[in-house]
Amino acid sequence: MAIEDLANALRRRTAERDELKARLARVQQPSTMSAAQISTLVEELGGLAAVLGQATATERAEVYASLGLHLDYHSLNQQVRRLPT
């Protein structure tokens, strides 16, 4: 009887592990954008570029924060990098 109980417990744990692996794989998949989403985003950014060109540094920071962006400027190589928020 003990062997049967162990075998049943092992089957349950294996099923749990497989389910957790599947869930983890779904979570780790990078999201992709459709062509329509990219097009919409490009249009929005084109509009934003005009607004940002006239905005103060504080206003630009607020826009970037609302978009979930954190930008880091490196003066030595004159590059801007997006950092995770």
PDB file of N, CA and C in Angstrom:
ATOM      1  N   MET A   1       0.817  -1.197   0.000  1.00  0.00           N
ATOM      2  CA  MET A   1       0.000   0.000   0.000  1.00  0.00           C
ATOM      3  C   MET A   1       0.857   1.257   0.000  1.00  0.00           C
ATOM      4  N   ALA A   2       1.970   1.279   0.686  1.00  0.00           N
ATOM      5  CA  ALA A   2       2.839   2.445   0.762  1.00  0.00           C
ATOM      6  C   ALA A   2       3.413   2.788  -0.614  1.00  0.00           C
ATOM      7  N   ILE A   3       3.753   1.788  -1.394  1.00  0.00           N
ATOM      8  CA  ILE A   3       4.305   2.031  -2.732  1.00  0.00           C
ATOM      9  C   ILE A   3       3.250   2.672  -3.630  1.00  0.00           C
ATOM     10  N   GLU A   4       2.022   2.198  -3.521  1.00  0.00           N
ATOM     11  CA  GLU A   4       0.927   2.772  -4.315  1.00  0.00           C
ATOM     12  C   GLU A   4       0.689   4.236  -3.922  1.00  0.00           C
ATOM     13  N   ASP A   5       0.748   4.541  -2.633  1.00  0.00           N
ATOM     14  CA  ASP A   5       0.586   5.922  -2.165  1.00  0.00           C
ATOM     15  C   ASP A   5       1.707   6.805  -2.696  1.00  0.00           C
ATOM     16  N   LEU A   6       2.929   6.300  -2.659  1.00  0.00           N
ATOM     17  CA  LEU A   6       4.065   7.056  -3.181  1.00  0.00           C
ATOM     18  C   LEU A   6       3.933   7.306  -4.691  1.00  0.00           C
ATOM     19  N   ALA A   7       3.490   6.280  -5.400  1.00  0.00           N
ATOM     20  CA  ALA A   7       3.320   6.412  -6.851  1.00  0.00           C
ATOM     21  C   ALA A   7       2.247   7.455  -7.173  1.00  0.00           C
ATOM     22  N   ASN A   8       1.152   7.434  -6.420  1.00  0.00           N
ATOM     23  CA  ASN A   8       0.087   8.424  -6.626  1.00  0.00           C
ATOM     24  C   ASN A   8       0.579   9.833  -6.310  1.00  0.00           C
ATOM     25  N   ALA A   9       1.318   9.973  -5.211  1.00  0.00           N
ATOM     26  CA  ALA A   9       1.862  11.286  -4.841  1.00  0.00           C
ATOM     27  C   ALA A   9       2.829  11.780  -5.914  1.00  0.00           C
ATOM     28  N   LEU A  10       3.651  10.884  -6.437  1.00  0.00           N
ATOM     29  CA  LEU A  10       4.598  11.255  -7.491  1.00  0.00           C
ATOM     30  C   LEU A  10       3.863  11.705  -8.754  1.00  0.00           C
ATOM     31  N   ARG A  11       2.806  11.025  -9.119  1.00  0.00           N
ATOM     32  CA  ARG A  11       2.015  11.421 -10.298  1.00  0.00           C
ATOM     33  C   ARG A  11       1.403  12.810 -10.095  1.00  0.00           C
ATOM     34  N   ARG A  12       0.867  13.054  -8.880  1.00  0.00           N
ATOM     35  CA  ARG A  12       0.285  14.379  -8.595  1.00  0.00           C
ATOM     36  C   ARG A  12       1.347  15.469  -8.674  1.00  0.00           C
ATOM     37  N   ARG A  13       2.498  15.223  -8.076  1.00  0.00           N
ATOM     38  CA  ARG A  13       3.576  16.215  -8.084  1.00  0.00           C
ATOM     39  C   ARG A  13       4.094  16.451  -9.497  1.00  0.00           C
ATOM     40  N   THR A  14       4.167  15.399 -10.278  1.00  0.00           N
ATOM     41  CA  THR A  14       4.612  15.542 -11.669  1.00  0.00           C
ATOM     42  C   THR A  14       3.624  16.383 -12.460  1.00  0.00           C
ATOM     43  N   ALA A  15       2.345  16.143 -12.249  1.00  0.00           N
ATOM     44  CA  ALA A  15       1.316  16.936 -12.935  1.00  0.00           C
ATOM     45  C   ALA A  15       1.382  18.397 -12.486  1.00  0.00           C
ATOM     46  N   GLU A  16       1.574  18.622 -11.192  1.00  0.00           N
ATOM     47  CA  GLU A  16       1.703  19.991 -10.687  1.00  0.00           C
ATOM     48  C   GLU A  16       2.926  20.684 -11.304  1.00  0.00           C
ATOM     49  N   ARG A  17       4.045  19.964 -11.342  1.00  0.00           N
ATOM     50  CA  ARG A  17       5.262  20.524 -11.928  1.00  0.00           C
ATOM     51  C   ARG A  17       5.049  20.879 -13.390  1.00  0.00           C
ATOM     52  N   ASP A  18       4.437  19.990 -14.142  1.00  0.00           N
ATOM     53  CA  ASP A  18       4.204  20.246 -15.564  1.00  0.00           C
ATOM     54  C   ASP A  18       3.300  21.455 -15.771  1.00  0.00           C
ATOM     55  N   GLU A  19       2.277  21.588 -14.931  1.00  0.00           N
ATOM     56  CA  GLU A  19       1.375  22.743 -15.016  1.00  0.00           C
ATOM     57  C   GLU A  19       2.126  24.026 -14.691  1.00  0.00           C
ATOM     58  N   LEU A  20       2.952  24.001 -13.662  1.00  0.00           N
ATOM     59  CA  LEU A  20       3.725  25.199 -13.301  1.00  0.00           C
ATOM     60  C   LEU A  20       4.731  25.564 -14.387  1.00  0.00           C
ATOM     61  N   LYS A  21       5.358  24.572 -15.004  1.00  0.00           N
ATOM     62  CA  LYS A  21       6.280  24.846 -16.108  1.00  0.00           C
ATOM     63  C   LYS A  21       5.540  25.495 -17.274  1.00  0.00           C
ATOM     64  N   ALA A  22       4.348  25.002 -17.577  1.00  0.00           N
ATOM     65  CA  ALA A  22       3.552  25.568 -18.671  1.00  0.00           C
ATOM     66  C   ALA A  22       3.152  27.002 -18.351  1.00  0.00           C
ATOM     67  N   ARG A  23       2.741  27.259 -17.113  1.00  0.00           N
ATOM     68  CA  ARG A  23       2.370  28.623 -16.713  1.00  0.00           C
ATOM     69  C   ARG A  23       3.571  29.554 -16.789  1.00  0.00           C
ATOM     70  N   LEU A  24       4.716  29.086 -16.343  1.00  0.00           N
ATOM     71  CA  LEU A  24       5.930  29.893 -16.385  1.00  0.00           C
ATOM     72  C   LEU A  24       6.323  30.206 -17.825  1.00  0.00           C
ATOM     73  N   ALA A  25       6.194  29.254 -18.703  1.00  0.00           N
ATOM     74  CA  ALA A  25       6.520  29.488 -20.112  1.00  0.00           C
ATOM     75  C   ALA A  25       5.607  30.547 -20.714  1.00  0.00           C
ATOM     76  N   ARG A  26       4.321  30.533 -20.342  1.00  0.00           N
ATOM     77  CA  ARG A  26       3.389  31.542 -20.861  1.00  0.00           C
ATOM     78  C   ARG A  26       3.752  32.925 -20.337  1.00  0.00           C
ATOM     79  N   VAL A  27       4.153  33.013 -19.079  1.00  0.00           N
ATOM     80  CA  VAL A  27       4.499  34.296 -18.479  1.00  0.00           C
ATOM     81  C   VAL A  27       5.767  34.855 -19.105  1.00  0.00           C
ATOM     82  N   GLN A  28       6.708  34.002 -19.442  1.00  0.00           N
ATOM     83  CA  GLN A  28       8.000  34.447 -19.952  1.00  0.00           C
ATOM     84  C   GLN A  28       7.979  34.787 -21.441  1.00  0.00           C
ATOM     85  N   GLN A  29       6.901  34.500 -22.130  1.00  0.00           N
ATOM     86  CA  GLN A  29       6.827  34.817 -23.546  1.00  0.00           C
ATOM     87  C   GLN A  29       6.780  36.325 -23.737  1.00  0.00           C
ATOM     88  N   PRO A  30       7.685  36.872 -24.545  1.00  0.00           N
ATOM     89  CA  PRO A  30       7.620  38.309 -24.792  1.00  0.00           C
ATOM     90  C   PRO A  30       6.365  38.642 -25.586  1.00  0.00           C
ATOM     91  N   SER A  31       5.794  39.778 -25.273  1.00  0.00           N
ATOM     92  CA  SER A  31       4.601  40.169 -26.010  1.00  0.00           C
ATOM     93  C   SER A  31       5.026  40.747 -27.353  1.00  0.00           C
ATOM     94  N   THR A  32       4.232  40.485 -28.353  1.00  0.00           N
ATOM     95  CA  THR A  32       4.507  41.015 -29.679  1.00  0.00           C
ATOM     96  C   THR A  32       3.360  41.928 -30.077  1.00  0.00           C
ATOM     97  N   MET A  33       3.686  42.883 -30.883  1.00  0.00           N
ATOM     98  CA  MET A  33       2.679  43.841 -31.329  1.00  0.00           C
ATOM     99  C   MET A  33       2.274  43.509 -32.758  1.00  0.00           C
ATOM    100  N   SER A  34       1.007  43.720 -33.034  1.00  0.00           N
ATOM    101  CA  SER A  34       0.522  43.522 -34.399  1.00  0.00           C
ATOM    102  C   SER A  34       0.939  44.725 -35.247  1.00  0.00           C
ATOM    103  N   ALA A  35       0.828  44.592 -36.535  1.00  0.00           N
ATOM    104  CA  ALA A  35       1.154  45.694 -37.444  1.00  0.00           C
ATOM    105  C   ALA A  35       0.271  46.905 -37.155  1.00  0.00           C
ATOM    106  N   ALA A  36      -0.988  46.659 -36.859  1.00  0.00           N
ATOM    107  CA  ALA A  36      -1.913  47.763 -36.553  1.00  0.00           C
ATOM    108  C   ALA A  36      -1.500  48.480 -35.273  1.00  0.00           C
ATOM    109  N   GLN A  37      -1.088  47.706 -34.269  1.00  0.00           N
ATOM    110  CA  GLN A  37      -0.648  48.315 -33.012  1.00  0.00           C
ATOM    111  C   GLN A  37       0.613  49.151 -33.231  1.00  0.00           C
ATOM    112  N   ILE A  38       1.528  48.632 -34.011  1.00  0.00           N
ATOM    113  CA  ILE A  38       2.758  49.377 -34.297  1.00  0.00           C
ATOM    114  C   ILE A  38       2.432  50.647 -35.056  1.00  0.00           C
ATOM    115  N   SER A  39       1.558  50.549 -36.033  1.00  0.00           N
ATOM    116  CA  SER A  39       1.169  51.721 -36.808  1.00  0.00           C
ATOM    117  C   SER A  39       0.536  52.786 -35.916  1.00  0.00           C
ATOM    118  N   THR A  40      -0.349  52.365 -35.051  1.00  0.00           N
ATOM    119  CA  THR A  40      -0.999  53.300 -34.126  1.00  0.00           C
ATOM    120  C   THR A  40       0.036  53.953 -33.213  1.00  0.00           C
ATOM    121  N   LEU A  41       0.952  53.150 -32.708  1.00  0.00           N
ATOM    122  CA  LEU A  41       1.986  53.680 -31.828  1.00  0.00           C
ATOM    123  C   LEU A  41       2.867  54.687 -32.560  1.00  0.00           C
ATOM    124  N   VAL A  42       3.228  54.392 -33.783  1.00  0.00           N
ATOM    125  CA  VAL A  42       4.050  55.317 -34.566  1.00  0.00           C
ATOM    126  C   VAL A  42       3.313  56.631 -34.782  1.00  0.00           C
ATOM    127  N   GLU A  43       2.032  56.553 -35.095  1.00  0.00           N
ATOM    128  CA  GLU A  43       1.239  57.772 -35.268  1.00  0.00           C
ATOM    129  C   GLU A  43       1.202  58.576 -33.975  1.00  0.00           C
ATOM    130  N   GLU A  44       0.992  57.877 -32.858  1.00  0.00           N
ATOM    131  CA  GLU A  44       0.954  58.562 -31.571  1.00  0.00           C
ATOM    132  C   GLU A  44       2.303  59.199 -31.254  1.00  0.00           C
ATOM    133  N   LEU A  45       3.368  58.493 -31.546  1.00  0.00           N
ATOM    134  CA  LEU A  45       4.689  59.046 -31.268  1.00  0.00           C
ATOM    135  C   LEU A  45       5.009  60.228 -32.171  1.00  0.00           C
ATOM    136  N   GLY A  46       4.521  60.196 -33.384  1.00  0.00           N
ATOM    137  CA  GLY A  46       4.710  61.352 -34.261  1.00  0.00           C
ATOM    138  C   GLY A  46       4.025  62.569 -33.684  1.00  0.00           C
ATOM    139  N   GLY A  47       2.847  62.380 -33.138  1.00  0.00           N
ATOM    140  CA  GLY A  47       2.145  63.468 -32.485  1.00  0.00           C
ATOM    141  C   GLY A  47       2.838  63.880 -31.200  1.00  0.00           C
ATOM    142  N   LEU A  48       3.339  62.904 -30.488  1.00  0.00           N
ATOM    143  CA  LEU A  48       4.044  63.196 -29.254  1.00  0.00           C
ATOM    144  C   LEU A  48       5.333  63.953 -29.515  1.00  0.00           C
ATOM    145  N   ALA A  49       6.002  63.649 -30.620  1.00  0.00           N
ATOM    146  CA  ALA A  49       7.266  64.321 -30.924  1.00  0.00           C
ATOM    147  C   ALA A  49       7.065  65.822 -31.026  1.00  0.00           C
ATOM    148  N   ALA A  50       5.985  66.225 -31.646  1.00  0.00           N
ATOM    149  CA  ALA A  50       5.708  67.661 -31.762  1.00  0.00           C
ATOM    150  C   ALA A  50       5.431  68.270 -30.394  1.00  0.00           C
ATOM    151  N   VAL A  51       4.667  67.561 -29.589  1.00  0.00           N
ATOM    152  CA  VAL A  51       4.344  68.062 -28.248  1.00  0.00           C
ATOM    153  C   VAL A  51       5.605  68.107 -27.387  1.00  0.00           C
ATOM    154  N   LEU A  52       6.396  67.036 -27.445  1.00  0.00           N
ATOM    155  CA  LEU A  52       7.599  66.975 -26.625  1.00  0.00           C
ATOM    156  C   LEU A  52       8.621  68.026 -27.030  1.00  0.00           C
ATOM    157  N   GLY A  53       8.619  68.387 -28.301  1.00  0.00           N
ATOM    158  CA  GLY A  53       9.540  69.420 -28.766  1.00  0.00           C
ATOM    159  C   GLY A  53       9.276  70.761 -28.116  1.00  0.00           C
ATOM    160  N   GLN A  54       8.055  71.005 -27.712  1.00  0.00           N
ATOM    161  CA  GLN A  54       7.681  72.279 -27.094  1.00  0.00           C
ATOM    162  C   GLN A  54       7.549  72.177 -25.578  1.00  0.00           C
ATOM    163  N   ALA A  55       7.689  70.983 -25.037  1.00  0.00           N
ATOM    164  CA  ALA A  55       7.476  70.771 -23.601  1.00  0.00           C
ATOM    165  C   ALA A  55       8.721  71.143 -22.801  1.00  0.00           C
ATOM    166  N   THR A  56       8.480  71.464 -21.543  1.00  0.00           N
ATOM    167  CA  THR A  56       9.595  71.696 -20.619  1.00  0.00           C
ATOM    168  C   THR A  56      10.164  70.341 -20.204  1.00  0.00           C
ATOM    169  N   ALA A  57      11.317  70.363 -19.579  1.00  0.00           N
ATOM    170  CA  ALA A  57      11.935  69.117 -19.115  1.00  0.00           C
ATOM    171  C   ALA A  57      11.019  68.388 -18.138  1.00  0.00           C
ATOM    172  N   THR A  58      10.363  69.120 -17.276  1.00  0.00           N
ATOM    173  CA  THR A  58       9.448  68.519 -16.306  1.00  0.00           C
ATOM    174  C   THR A  58       8.260  67.876 -17.011  1.00  0.00           C
ATOM    175  N   GLU A  59       7.716  68.559 -18.006  1.00  0.00           N
ATOM    176  CA  GLU A  59       6.570  68.020 -18.752  1.00  0.00           C
ATOM    177  C   GLU A  59       6.984  66.758 -19.517  1.00  0.00           C
ATOM    178  N   ARG A  60       8.168  66.777 -20.122  1.00  0.00           N
ATOM    179  CA  ARG A  60       8.647  65.581 -20.840  1.00  0.00           C
ATOM    180  C   ARG A  60       8.805  64.416 -19.862  1.00  0.00           C
ATOM    181  N   ALA A  61       9.355  64.688 -18.686  1.00  0.00           N
ATOM    182  CA  ALA A  61       9.537  63.630 -17.686  1.00  0.00           C
ATOM    183  C   ALA A  61       8.194  63.026 -17.285  1.00  0.00           C
ATOM    184  N   GLU A  62       7.169  63.866 -17.166  1.00  0.00           N
ATOM    185  CA  GLU A  62       5.839  63.369 -16.810  1.00  0.00           C
ATOM    186  C   GLU A  62       5.268  62.488 -17.918  1.00  0.00           C
ATOM    187  N   VAL A  63       5.477  62.893 -19.171  1.00  0.00           N
ATOM    188  CA  VAL A  63       4.990  62.091 -20.305  1.00  0.00           C
ATOM    189  C   VAL A  63       5.706  60.744 -20.318  1.00  0.00           C
ATOM    190  N   TYR A  64       7.036  60.776 -20.172  1.00  0.00           N
ATOM    191  CA  TYR A  64       7.797  59.521 -20.177  1.00  0.00           C
ATOM    192  C   TYR A  64       7.346  58.612 -19.038  1.00  0.00           C
ATOM    193  N   ALA A  65       7.139  59.173 -17.868  1.00  0.00           N
ATOM    194  CA  ALA A  65       6.701  58.375 -16.723  1.00  0.00           C
ATOM    195  C   ALA A  65       5.331  57.768 -16.976  1.00  0.00           C
ATOM    196  N   SER A  66       4.441  58.540 -17.595  1.00  0.00           N
ATOM    197  CA  SER A  66       3.101  58.010 -17.877  1.00  0.00           C
ATOM    198  C   SER A  66       3.145  56.872 -18.886  1.00  0.00           C
ATOM    199  N   LEU A  67       4.193  56.857 -19.736  1.00  0.00           N
ATOM    200  CA  LEU A  67       4.367  55.780 -20.713  1.00  0.00           C
ATOM    201  C   LEU A  67       5.167  54.612 -20.134  1.00  0.00           C
ATOM    202  N   GLY A  68       5.599  54.764 -18.889  1.00  0.00           N
ATOM    203  CA  GLY A  68       6.397  53.706 -18.270  1.00  0.00           C
ATOM    204  C   GLY A  68       7.838  53.710 -18.729  1.00  0.00           C
ATOM    205  N   LEU A  69       8.339  54.856 -19.178  1.00  0.00           N
ATOM    206  CA  LEU A  69       9.711  54.954 -19.673  1.00  0.00           C
ATOM    207  C   LEU A  69      10.613  55.608 -18.631  1.00  0.00           C
ATOM    208  N   HIS A  70      11.802  55.095 -18.522  1.00  0.00           N
ATOM    209  CA  HIS A  70      12.844  55.756 -17.736  1.00  0.00           C
ATOM    210  C   HIS A  70      14.036  55.877 -18.678  1.00  0.00           C
ATOM    211  N   LEU A  71      14.402  57.096 -19.001  1.00  0.00           N
ATOM    212  CA  LEU A  71      15.480  57.339 -19.954  1.00  0.00           C
ATOM    213  C   LEU A  71      16.727  57.796 -19.218  1.00  0.00           C
ATOM    214  N   ASP A  72      17.870  57.295 -19.679  1.00  0.00           N
ATOM    215  CA  ASP A  72      19.154  57.619 -19.066  1.00  0.00           C
ATOM    216  C   ASP A  72      20.067  58.166 -20.160  1.00  0.00           C
ATOM    217  N   TYR A  73      20.559  59.402 -19.975  1.00  0.00           N
ATOM    218  CA  TYR A  73      21.408  60.048 -20.968  1.00  0.00           C
ATOM    219  C   TYR A  73      22.868  59.908 -20.571  1.00  0.00           C
ATOM    220  N   HIS A  74      23.678  59.456 -21.527  1.00  0.00           N
ATOM    221  CA  HIS A  74      25.118  59.336 -21.328  1.00  0.00           C
ATOM    222  C   HIS A  74      25.802  60.408 -22.165  1.00  0.00           C
ATOM    223  N   SER A  75      26.357  61.402 -21.485  1.00  0.00           N
ATOM    224  CA  SER A  75      26.928  62.548 -22.189  1.00  0.00           C
ATOM    225  C   SER A  75      28.208  62.203 -22.944  1.00  0.00           C
ATOM    226  N   LEU A  76      28.973  61.221 -22.469  1.00  0.00           N
ATOM    227  CA  LEU A  76      30.228  60.894 -23.143  1.00  0.00           C
ATOM    228  C   LEU A  76      30.009  60.394 -24.565  1.00  0.00           C
ATOM    229  N   ASN A  77      29.049  59.514 -24.740  1.00  0.00           N
ATOM    230  CA  ASN A  77      28.776  58.999 -26.085  1.00  0.00           C
ATOM    231  C   ASN A  77      27.489  59.562 -26.675  1.00  0.00           C
ATOM    232  N   GLN A  78      26.888  60.499 -25.986  1.00  0.00           N
ATOM    233  CA  GLN A  78      25.669  61.185 -26.430  1.00  0.00           C
ATOM    234  C   GLN A  78      24.578  60.204 -26.846  1.00  0.00           C
ATOM    235  N   GLN A  79      24.286  59.269 -25.949  1.00  0.00           N
ATOM    236  CA  GLN A  79      23.257  58.272 -26.197  1.00  0.00           C
ATOM    237  C   GLN A  79      22.234  58.303 -25.070  1.00  0.00           C
ATOM    238  N   VAL A  80      21.000  57.999 -25.454  1.00  0.00           N
ATOM    239  CA  VAL A  80      19.918  57.867 -24.488  1.00  0.00           C
ATOM    240  C   VAL A  80      19.526  56.398 -24.460  1.00  0.00           C
ATOM    241  N   ARG A  81      19.453  55.840 -23.255  1.00  0.00           N
ATOM    242  CA  ARG A  81      19.042  54.442 -23.095  1.00  0.00           C
ATOM    243  C   ARG A  81      17.754  54.391 -22.308  1.00  0.00           C
ATOM    244  N   ARG A  82      16.911  53.448 -22.677  1.00  0.00           N
ATOM    245  CA  ARG A  82      15.680  53.198 -21.921  1.00  0.00           C
ATOM    246  C   ARG A  82      15.999  52.154 -20.873  1.00  0.00           C
ATOM    247  N   LEU A  83      15.665  52.462 -19.634  1.00  0.00           N
ATOM    248  CA  LEU A  83      15.898  51.536 -18.532  1.00  0.00           C
ATOM    249  C   LEU A  83      14.574  50.965 -18.051  1.00  0.00           C
ATOM    250  N   PRO A  84      14.601  49.755 -17.461  1.00  0.00           N
ATOM    251  CA  PRO A  84      13.358  49.202 -16.909  1.00  0.00           C
ATOM    252  C   PRO A  84      12.856  50.077 -15.773  1.00  0.00           C
ATOM    253  N   THR A  85      11.527  50.173 -15.668  1.00  0.00           N
ATOM    254  CA  THR A  85      10.945  50.964 -14.591  1.00  0.00           C
ATOM    255  C   THR A  85      10.541  50.079 -13.450  1.00  0.00           C
TER     256      THR A  85
END
